[in-house]
């Protein structure tokens, strides 16, 4: 028969053992009041508008910045980290413009699913052995995991605002267990970035207005995941072939020299998601999208936003072999997709695009009509002399679909939470 644990030291030993057994790379404890500077920093982040369209950050400001407001009974916070380190440099795929770059964390199973069940098991053992109450969080509730992880000593928030660990670099998922048990807090980790600017200089869209400050509105992860509308034109070329998220600032960190590849099989990259062919992704309908990304974080953004991203990558690819599949998306049911297809085609075939100004006449979506206007101007400026024009392919004049947007397109306009908590300045 198990004996009840009343000694906080023994309870901590139990937590450490169970965390390691569950596959967590690190575990530490902090107090609910250990992040006194976080509220002001978060308020500054929101006041500057750096959260973009992620209104849920502003709506939960008070609870997010003060753990005791979220749950007044909390006495200790156990912060756990799971390693998802890649087995190769994720930037390698950026040199292959006919392929898509999916962020490392999304190349297999959704980490929320992987971690939450294990956290609940550990939390259950805390209660069964020590009594009291617990609550488990994995990047979905208004909890500032990164400042709490820093306060607990798991690492420090680097200049890219993400957690950096001496043992695991930048590749850690974070979760927490709030408990009524009184546990001794661990020592806070020191900032070890020094004068290094590698992560700041690596950002393709200059999303860091200053060290330790992120403007999410310029971040490729925000633009390709949280952003529900058209991707602003000023960032499209810089996005390159990044079709879901971006790892550039994480991968640039010198502390990654100590990182190891993920040992959890469900977090190791699927071969078909390491560098998928843009040509294959351009033809995905809703059913095929859901099948391909079943169990993946990518599924959350829906088919239309994902194909929007793929079209931007196709427009940047310079690959004429993609032109036919891009053209097909001009008749897509989703205005979001049609607009991105207009831009992509104007980049892939400007000499042909200039002859298609009449194609916009039947378009009733204002955002797509704006894309046509901008793309026609771009193609007109690049239009060669008439003697050099290529003829339109047979059937080149398309009929714009007048069907309503698909369910996934409509739902993408609604309010919801995605992966922004990986990127916000929290």
Protein backbone atom coordinates (compact mmCIF):
# COMPACT_ATOMS: atom_id res chain seq x y z
CA UNK A 1 0.00 0.00 0.00
CA UNK A 2 1.31 3.44 -0.94
CA UNK A 3 2.02 5.86 1.85
CA UNK A 4 0.97 9.48 1.72
CA UNK A 5 3.74 12.02 1.11
CA UNK A 6 3.78 15.00 3.45
CA UNK A 7 7.43 15.94 3.01
CA UNK A 8 7.79 18.52 0.16
CA UNK A 9 11.25 17.18 -0.63
CA UNK A 10 9.96 13.66 -1.18
CA UNK A 11 7.09 14.99 -3.25
CA UNK A 12 9.57 16.81 -5.43
CA UNK A 13 11.56 13.60 -5.87
CA UNK A 14 8.36 11.88 -7.01
CA UNK A 15 7.63 14.64 -9.51
CA UNK A 16 11.15 14.45 -10.93
CA UNK A 17 10.98 10.66 -11.34
CA UNK A 18 7.57 10.70 -12.95
CA UNK A 19 8.50 13.53 -15.30
CA UNK A 20 11.56 11.67 -16.56
CA UNK A 21 9.59 8.46 -16.92
CA UNK A 22 6.98 10.33 -18.98
CA UNK A 23 9.59 11.57 -21.44
CA UNK A 24 10.07 15.13 -20.27
CA UNK A 25 13.56 16.51 -20.75
CA UNK A 26 13.45 18.87 -17.79
CA UNK A 27 11.27 19.78 -14.82
CA UNK A 28 11.50 22.63 -12.31
CA UNK A 29 9.36 24.50 -9.80
CA UNK A 30 8.56 28.16 -9.33
CA UNK A 31 6.19 30.27 -7.28
CA UNK A 32 3.03 31.97 -8.62
CA UNK A 33 4.47 35.40 -7.85
CA UNK A 34 7.85 34.76 -9.50
CA UNK A 35 7.23 36.84 -12.64
CA UNK A 36 6.47 40.34 -11.29
CA UNK A 37 7.77 42.11 -14.41
CA UNK A 38 5.66 40.06 -16.83
CA UNK A 39 2.41 42.06 -16.50
CA UNK A 40 4.00 45.36 -17.55
CA UNK A 41 5.88 43.74 -20.43
CA UNK A 42 2.75 42.02 -21.70
CA UNK A 43 0.75 45.23 -21.44
CA UNK A 44 3.45 47.03 -23.42
CA UNK A 45 3.35 44.28 -26.06
CA UNK A 46 -0.41 44.70 -26.48
CA UNK A 47 -0.36 48.51 -26.28
CA UNK A 48 2.11 48.58 -29.17
CA UNK A 49 -0.26 46.44 -31.24
CA UNK A 50 2.39 43.74 -31.57
CA UNK A 51 -0.21 41.02 -30.93
CA UNK A 52 -1.88 41.78 -34.25
CA UNK A 53 -5.25 40.09 -34.64
CA UNK A 54 -4.74 37.81 -31.64
CA UNK A 55 -7.41 39.57 -29.62
CA UNK A 56 -7.58 36.77 -27.08
CA UNK A 57 -4.23 37.94 -25.69
CA UNK A 58 -5.66 41.32 -24.82
CA UNK A 59 -8.88 39.77 -23.50
CA UNK A 60 -6.96 37.62 -21.01
CA UNK A 61 -4.27 40.11 -20.02
CA UNK A 62 -4.88 40.04 -16.26
CA UNK A 63 -5.18 36.27 -15.95
CA UNK A 64 -2.27 35.66 -18.32
CA UNK A 65 0.15 37.87 -16.44
CA UNK A 66 -0.80 36.79 -12.92
CA UNK A 67 -1.12 33.04 -12.27
CA UNK A 68 -2.93 33.56 -8.97
CA UNK A 69 -5.65 35.45 -10.84
CA UNK A 70 -6.16 32.45 -13.07
CA UNK A 71 -6.38 30.14 -10.04
CA UNK A 72 -6.20 31.77 -6.58
CA UNK A 73 -5.53 28.46 -4.79
CA UNK A 74 -2.23 27.81 -6.56
CA UNK A 75 0.81 27.62 -4.27
CA UNK A 76 3.44 26.14 -6.59
CA UNK A 77 3.89 25.81 -10.34
CA UNK A 78 5.68 22.81 -11.80
CA UNK A 79 7.04 23.66 -15.27
CA UNK A 80 7.95 20.77 -17.57
CA UNK A 81 9.77 20.79 -20.90
CA UNK A 82 9.72 18.23 -23.70
CA UNK A 83 12.47 18.21 -26.31
CA UNK A 84 11.42 18.37 -29.97
CA UNK A 85 14.85 19.00 -31.46
CA UNK A 86 15.22 18.27 -35.19
CA UNK A 87 17.69 15.71 -36.50
CA UNK A 88 18.94 18.13 -39.17
CA UNK A 89 19.07 21.86 -39.84
CA UNK A 90 15.47 22.90 -40.64
CA UNK A 91 16.77 25.70 -42.85
CA UNK A 92 18.12 23.28 -45.45
CA UNK A 93 14.75 23.08 -47.19
CA UNK A 94 14.80 26.83 -47.83
CA UNK A 95 17.26 26.18 -50.67
CA UNK A 96 14.68 23.97 -52.43
CA UNK A 97 12.06 26.39 -53.79
CA UNK A 98 9.89 23.63 -55.26
CA UNK A 99 9.37 22.27 -51.74
CA UNK A 100 7.51 23.65 -48.75
CA UNK A 101 9.07 24.40 -45.37
CA UNK A 102 6.92 23.35 -42.42
CA UNK A 103 8.05 24.38 -38.96
CA UNK A 104 9.79 21.61 -37.04
CA UNK A 105 7.15 21.50 -34.31
CA UNK A 106 4.40 20.74 -36.85
CA UNK A 107 6.05 17.91 -38.79
CA UNK A 108 4.31 15.20 -36.82
CA UNK A 109 1.72 14.97 -34.05
CA UNK A 110 0.19 17.92 -32.24
CA UNK A 111 2.34 18.46 -29.16
CA UNK A 112 -0.71 19.42 -27.11
CA UNK A 113 -1.99 15.87 -27.52
CA UNK A 114 1.39 14.33 -26.79
CA UNK A 115 2.00 16.32 -23.61
CA UNK A 116 -1.36 16.85 -21.97
CA UNK A 117 -2.11 13.22 -21.19
CA UNK A 118 1.30 12.76 -19.60
CA UNK A 119 0.94 15.92 -17.55
CA UNK A 120 -2.40 14.69 -16.28
CA UNK A 121 -0.83 11.39 -15.23
CA UNK A 122 1.86 13.19 -13.25
CA UNK A 123 -0.70 15.56 -11.75
CA UNK A 124 -2.86 12.62 -10.72
CA UNK A 125 0.04 11.02 -8.88
CA UNK A 126 0.75 14.28 -7.07
CA UNK A 127 -2.81 14.33 -5.77
CA UNK A 128 -2.91 10.63 -4.94
CA UNK A 129 0.31 10.82 -2.93
CA UNK A 130 0.11 14.30 -1.42
CA UNK A 131 -3.54 15.32 -1.61
CA UNK A 132 -4.63 18.81 -2.53
CA UNK A 133 -5.64 19.91 -5.99
CA UNK A 134 -3.97 20.46 -9.36
CA UNK A 135 -4.60 22.01 -12.77
CA UNK A 136 -2.76 21.17 -15.99
CA UNK A 137 -1.97 23.59 -18.82
CA UNK A 138 -0.30 23.11 -22.22
CA UNK A 139 -0.06 26.35 -24.18
CA UNK A 140 -3.83 26.74 -24.47
CA UNK A 141 -4.91 28.56 -21.30
CA UNK A 142 -3.76 32.11 -20.45
CA UNK A 143 -0.50 31.01 -18.82
CA UNK A 144 2.83 32.66 -19.53
CA UNK A 145 4.90 29.51 -19.78
CA UNK A 146 8.11 31.12 -20.96
CA UNK A 147 8.57 33.62 -18.10
CA UNK A 148 7.54 30.90 -15.65
CA UNK A 149 10.05 28.48 -17.18
CA UNK A 150 12.77 31.12 -16.87
CA UNK A 151 11.82 31.78 -13.23
CA UNK A 152 11.93 28.03 -12.58
CA UNK A 153 15.43 27.76 -14.05
CA UNK A 154 14.67 25.73 -17.18
CA UNK A 155 16.31 28.36 -19.36
CA UNK A 156 16.03 32.02 -20.21
CA UNK A 157 13.97 34.00 -22.70
CA UNK A 158 16.36 34.82 -25.49
CA UNK A 159 16.38 37.90 -27.67
CA UNK A 160 13.91 36.09 -29.95
CA UNK A 161 11.54 35.92 -26.91
CA UNK A 162 11.57 32.10 -26.89
CA UNK A 163 13.08 29.95 -24.18
CA UNK A 164 16.73 28.96 -24.57
CA UNK A 165 18.24 26.08 -22.64
CA UNK A 166 21.91 25.29 -22.15
CA UNK A 167 21.12 21.61 -22.65
CA UNK A 168 18.45 21.74 -25.38
CA UNK A 169 18.90 25.00 -27.23
CA UNK A 170 15.65 26.52 -28.48
CA UNK A 171 13.75 23.27 -29.06
CA UNK A 172 11.48 22.83 -26.05
CA UNK A 173 7.73 22.51 -25.63
CA UNK A 174 6.45 23.78 -22.30
CA UNK A 175 3.62 22.67 -20.04
CA UNK A 176 2.75 23.36 -16.42
CA UNK A 177 1.05 21.84 -13.41
CA UNK A 178 -0.48 24.27 -10.95
CA UNK A 179 -0.73 22.69 -7.51
CA UNK A 180 -1.88 23.58 -4.02
CA UNK A 181 1.16 21.74 -2.65
CA UNK A 182 3.91 23.87 -1.13
CA UNK A 183 7.14 23.11 -3.02
CA UNK A 184 10.52 24.81 -2.77
CA UNK A 185 11.16 26.88 -5.91
CA UNK A 186 14.23 26.33 -8.06
CA UNK A 187 16.77 29.04 -8.86
CA UNK A 188 16.04 31.35 -11.77
CA UNK A 189 18.25 30.91 -14.84
CA UNK A 190 20.52 33.78 -15.89
CA UNK A 191 20.32 35.37 -19.33
CA UNK A 192 23.26 34.02 -21.33
CA UNK A 193 22.66 35.71 -24.69
CA UNK A 194 25.40 38.25 -24.14
CA UNK A 195 26.11 40.36 -27.23
CA UNK A 196 24.89 37.69 -29.66
CA UNK A 197 22.39 38.84 -32.32
CA UNK A 198 22.15 35.66 -34.37
CA UNK A 199 18.41 35.19 -33.91
CA UNK A 200 17.62 38.85 -34.58
CA UNK A 201 19.68 39.00 -37.74
CA UNK A 202 18.22 35.73 -39.02
CA UNK A 203 14.63 36.98 -39.19
CA UNK A 204 13.56 37.33 -42.85
CA UNK A 205 10.90 39.95 -42.08
CA UNK A 206 12.63 42.00 -39.36
CA UNK A 207 10.04 41.04 -36.77
CA UNK A 208 12.20 42.13 -33.82
CA UNK A 209 12.05 45.91 -33.31
CA UNK A 210 14.55 45.45 -30.47
CA UNK A 211 16.15 42.56 -28.59
CA UNK A 212 13.59 40.70 -26.48
CA UNK A 213 10.71 42.35 -28.35
CA UNK A 214 8.65 40.65 -31.05
CA UNK A 215 6.22 42.35 -33.40
CA UNK A 216 4.04 39.36 -34.23
CA UNK A 217 2.50 41.21 -37.16
CA UNK A 218 5.80 40.84 -39.00
CA UNK A 219 6.54 37.27 -37.87
CA UNK A 220 6.19 34.56 -40.52
CA UNK A 221 4.73 32.19 -37.95
CA UNK A 222 1.97 34.70 -37.24
CA UNK A 223 1.47 35.55 -40.92
CA UNK A 224 1.11 31.92 -42.02
CA UNK A 225 -0.76 30.57 -38.98
CA UNK A 226 -2.65 33.14 -36.93
CA UNK A 227 -3.39 35.57 -39.74
CA UNK A 228 -6.78 34.67 -41.21
CA UNK A 229 -6.76 37.06 -44.16
CA UNK A 230 -4.47 37.71 -47.11
CA UNK A 231 -0.79 37.86 -46.27
CA UNK A 232 0.33 41.50 -46.58
CA UNK A 233 2.19 42.00 -49.86
CA UNK A 234 5.21 43.54 -48.21
CA UNK A 235 6.09 40.18 -46.62
CA UNK A 236 5.28 37.73 -49.41
CA UNK A 237 8.65 37.61 -51.11
CA UNK A 238 10.49 37.31 -47.79
CA UNK A 239 8.34 34.34 -46.83
CA UNK A 240 10.01 32.30 -49.54
CA UNK A 241 8.83 28.70 -49.33
CA UNK A 242 7.80 28.76 -45.67
CA UNK A 243 4.27 27.37 -45.78
CA UNK A 244 3.61 26.88 -42.06
CA UNK A 245 5.58 28.78 -39.47
CA UNK A 246 9.26 29.64 -39.45
CA UNK A 247 12.26 28.29 -37.53
CA UNK A 248 14.91 30.74 -38.64
CA UNK A 249 15.38 32.57 -35.33
CA UNK A 250 15.29 29.33 -33.35
CA UNK A 251 17.71 27.52 -35.65
CA UNK A 252 20.19 30.42 -35.61
CA UNK A 253 20.78 30.20 -31.85
CA UNK A 254 24.36 29.09 -31.04
CA UNK A 255 23.11 27.21 -27.97
CA UNK A 256 21.61 24.65 -30.35
CA UNK A 257 25.06 23.07 -30.53
CA UNK A 258 24.07 21.28 -27.33
CA UNK A 259 20.64 20.26 -28.60
CA UNK A 260 19.70 16.67 -29.29
CA UNK A 261 17.12 15.20 -31.64
CA UNK A 262 13.73 14.45 -30.13
CA UNK A 263 13.46 10.99 -28.58
CA UNK A 264 9.65 11.01 -28.60
CA UNK A 265 8.64 9.21 -31.80
CA UNK A 266 5.47 11.26 -32.23
CA UNK A 267 7.52 14.46 -32.29
CA UNK A 268 10.09 13.22 -34.81
CA UNK A 269 9.50 14.49 -38.34
CA UNK A 270 7.32 12.51 -40.72
CA UNK A 271 9.19 11.93 -43.95
CA UNK A 272 6.32 13.29 -46.05
CA UNK A 273 6.30 16.55 -44.09
CA UNK A 274 10.04 17.27 -44.08
CA UNK A 275 9.98 18.89 -47.52
CA UNK A 276 6.65 18.27 -49.28
CA UNK A 277 6.35 19.12 -52.98
CA UNK A 278 4.46 22.35 -53.63
CA UNK A 279 2.92 20.73 -56.70
CA UNK A 280 1.25 18.12 -54.50
CA UNK A 281 0.01 20.63 -51.96
CA UNK A 282 -1.51 22.98 -54.54
CA UNK A 283 -4.14 20.40 -55.48
CA UNK A 284 -5.36 19.63 -51.95
CA UNK A 285 -9.08 19.85 -51.41
CA UNK A 286 -10.54 19.93 -47.92
CA UNK A 287 -10.79 16.15 -47.53
CA UNK A 288 -7.23 15.54 -48.77
CA UNK A 289 -5.92 18.30 -46.51
CA UNK A 290 -7.58 16.79 -43.46
CA UNK A 291 -6.24 13.35 -44.31
CA UNK A 292 -2.67 14.53 -44.86
CA UNK A 293 -2.57 16.57 -41.66
CA UNK A 294 -4.67 14.37 -39.41
CA UNK A 295 -3.30 14.76 -35.87
CA UNK A 296 -0.97 17.58 -36.94
CA UNK A 297 -1.02 21.19 -35.70
CA UNK A 298 -1.30 22.23 -39.37
CA UNK A 299 -4.87 20.95 -39.48
CA UNK A 300 -5.97 23.77 -37.17
CA UNK A 301 -5.61 26.53 -39.74
CA UNK A 302 -7.82 24.78 -42.29
CA UNK A 303 -7.29 23.99 -45.94
CA UNK A 304 -7.86 27.50 -47.29
CA UNK A 305 -5.25 29.28 -45.18
CA UNK A 306 -2.79 26.49 -45.84
CA UNK A 307 -3.25 26.59 -49.62
CA UNK A 308 -2.93 30.39 -49.42
CA UNK A 309 0.51 29.84 -47.91
CA UNK A 310 1.45 27.26 -50.55
CA UNK A 311 0.46 29.68 -53.32
CA UNK A 312 2.75 32.36 -51.89
CA UNK A 313 5.57 29.82 -51.92
CA UNK A 314 4.69 28.84 -55.48
CA UNK A 315 4.83 32.48 -56.55
CA UNK A 316 8.28 32.73 -55.01
CA UNK A 317 9.52 29.48 -56.52
CA UNK A 318 10.22 30.67 -60.05
CA UNK A 319 9.14 27.19 -61.16
CA UNK A 320 7.12 27.37 -64.41
CA UNK A 321 5.99 23.78 -63.88
CA UNK A 322 3.67 25.03 -61.12
CA UNK A 323 1.86 27.52 -63.36
CA UNK A 324 -0.95 25.17 -64.37
CA UNK A 325 -1.78 24.22 -60.79
CA UNK A 326 -1.66 27.83 -59.70
CA UNK A 327 -4.02 28.77 -62.53
CA UNK A 328 -6.48 26.14 -61.37
CA UNK A 329 -6.70 27.85 -58.00
CA UNK A 330 -7.96 31.06 -59.69
CA UNK A 331 -11.35 29.33 -59.76
CA UNK A 332 -11.19 28.12 -56.17
CA UNK A 333 -14.31 28.46 -54.03
CA UNK A 334 -12.32 30.34 -51.37
CA UNK A 335 -11.65 34.05 -51.98
CA UNK A 336 -8.57 33.73 -49.79
CA UNK A 337 -7.15 31.10 -52.13
CA UNK A 338 -8.18 32.94 -55.31
CA UNK A 339 -6.45 36.10 -54.14
CA UNK A 340 -3.21 34.28 -53.38
CA UNK A 341 -3.41 32.52 -56.75
CA UNK A 342 -3.66 35.86 -58.53
CA UNK A 343 -0.47 37.04 -56.85
CA UNK A 344 1.36 33.77 -57.47
CA UNK A 345 0.49 33.69 -61.16
CA UNK A 346 1.58 37.29 -61.64
CA UNK A 347 5.00 36.27 -60.30
CA UNK A 348 5.30 33.02 -62.20
CA UNK A 349 4.09 34.31 -65.59
CA UNK A 350 3.92 38.13 -65.70
CA UNK A 351 4.26 38.13 -69.49
CA UNK A 352 1.03 36.15 -69.80
CA UNK A 353 -0.74 37.69 -66.84
CA UNK A 354 -0.91 41.14 -68.41
CA UNK A 355 -3.35 39.80 -71.02
CA UNK A 356 -5.79 38.64 -68.36
CA UNK A 357 -7.10 41.90 -67.05
CA UNK A 358 -10.60 40.88 -68.10
CA UNK A 359 -10.52 37.91 -65.72
CA UNK A 360 -11.22 40.16 -62.76
CA UNK A 361 -14.48 41.51 -64.13
CA UNK A 362 -16.57 38.65 -62.76
CA UNK A 363 -14.88 38.65 -59.36
CA UNK A 364 -17.23 39.84 -56.62
CA UNK A 365 -14.88 39.63 -53.63
CA UNK A 366 -13.26 43.04 -52.92
CA UNK A 367 -10.03 41.56 -51.57
CA UNK A 368 -9.57 39.42 -54.67
CA UNK A 369 -10.38 42.35 -56.96
CA UNK A 370 -7.70 44.33 -55.16
CA UNK A 371 -5.25 41.48 -55.80
CA UNK A 372 -6.10 41.62 -59.50
CA UNK A 373 -5.53 45.37 -59.61
CA UNK A 374 -2.17 45.13 -57.86
CA UNK A 375 -1.07 42.12 -59.89
CA UNK A 376 -2.04 43.69 -63.19
CA UNK A 377 0.02 46.73 -62.30
CA UNK A 378 2.98 44.52 -61.39
CA UNK A 379 2.66 42.45 -64.56
CA UNK A 380 2.21 45.55 -66.69
CA UNK A 381 5.43 47.04 -65.38
CA UNK A 382 7.25 43.81 -66.24
CA UNK A 383 5.45 43.20 -69.53
CA UNK A 384 7.80 42.56 -72.47
CA UNK A 385 7.32 44.02 -75.93
CA UNK A 386 4.46 42.54 -77.97
CA UNK A 387 6.90 40.62 -80.16
CA UNK A 388 8.14 38.75 -77.09
CA UNK A 389 4.81 37.88 -75.54
CA UNK A 390 3.96 34.25 -75.04
CA UNK A 391 0.50 33.24 -76.29
CA UNK A 392 -2.11 32.22 -73.75
CA UNK A 393 -2.48 28.47 -73.40
CA UNK A 394 -5.62 26.90 -74.74
CA UNK A 395 -8.47 27.59 -72.38
CA UNK A 396 -6.37 30.20 -70.65
CA UNK A 397 -9.29 32.53 -69.96
CA UNK A 398 -10.82 31.21 -66.80
CA UNK A 399 -14.34 31.57 -65.53
CA UNK A 400 -14.28 32.82 -61.94
CA UNK A 401 -16.27 30.55 -59.69
CA UNK A 402 -19.37 32.18 -58.28
CA UNK A 403 -19.98 29.50 -55.68
CA UNK A 404 -19.87 30.53 -52.02
CA UNK A 405 -16.78 29.98 -49.93
CA UNK A 406 -16.19 26.50 -48.61
CA UNK A 407 -17.01 25.76 -44.96
CA UNK A 408 -13.33 25.81 -44.12
CA UNK A 409 -13.02 29.24 -45.70
CA UNK A 410 -15.93 30.64 -43.77
CA UNK A 411 -14.74 29.20 -40.49
CA UNK A 412 -11.26 30.68 -41.04
CA UNK A 413 -12.78 34.12 -40.59
CA UNK A 414 -14.09 33.29 -37.15
CA UNK A 415 -12.43 33.85 -33.84
CA UNK A 416 -10.20 31.10 -32.54
CA UNK A 417 -6.92 30.26 -30.90
CA UNK A 418 -4.04 28.79 -32.78
CA UNK A 419 -0.33 28.57 -32.24
CA UNK A 420 0.34 32.21 -31.41
CA UNK A 421 1.37 31.47 -27.87
CA UNK A 422 4.62 30.09 -29.26
CA UNK A 423 5.40 33.54 -30.62
CA UNK A 424 3.88 36.18 -28.42
CA UNK A 425 6.13 38.26 -26.19
CA UNK A 426 5.07 36.57 -23.00
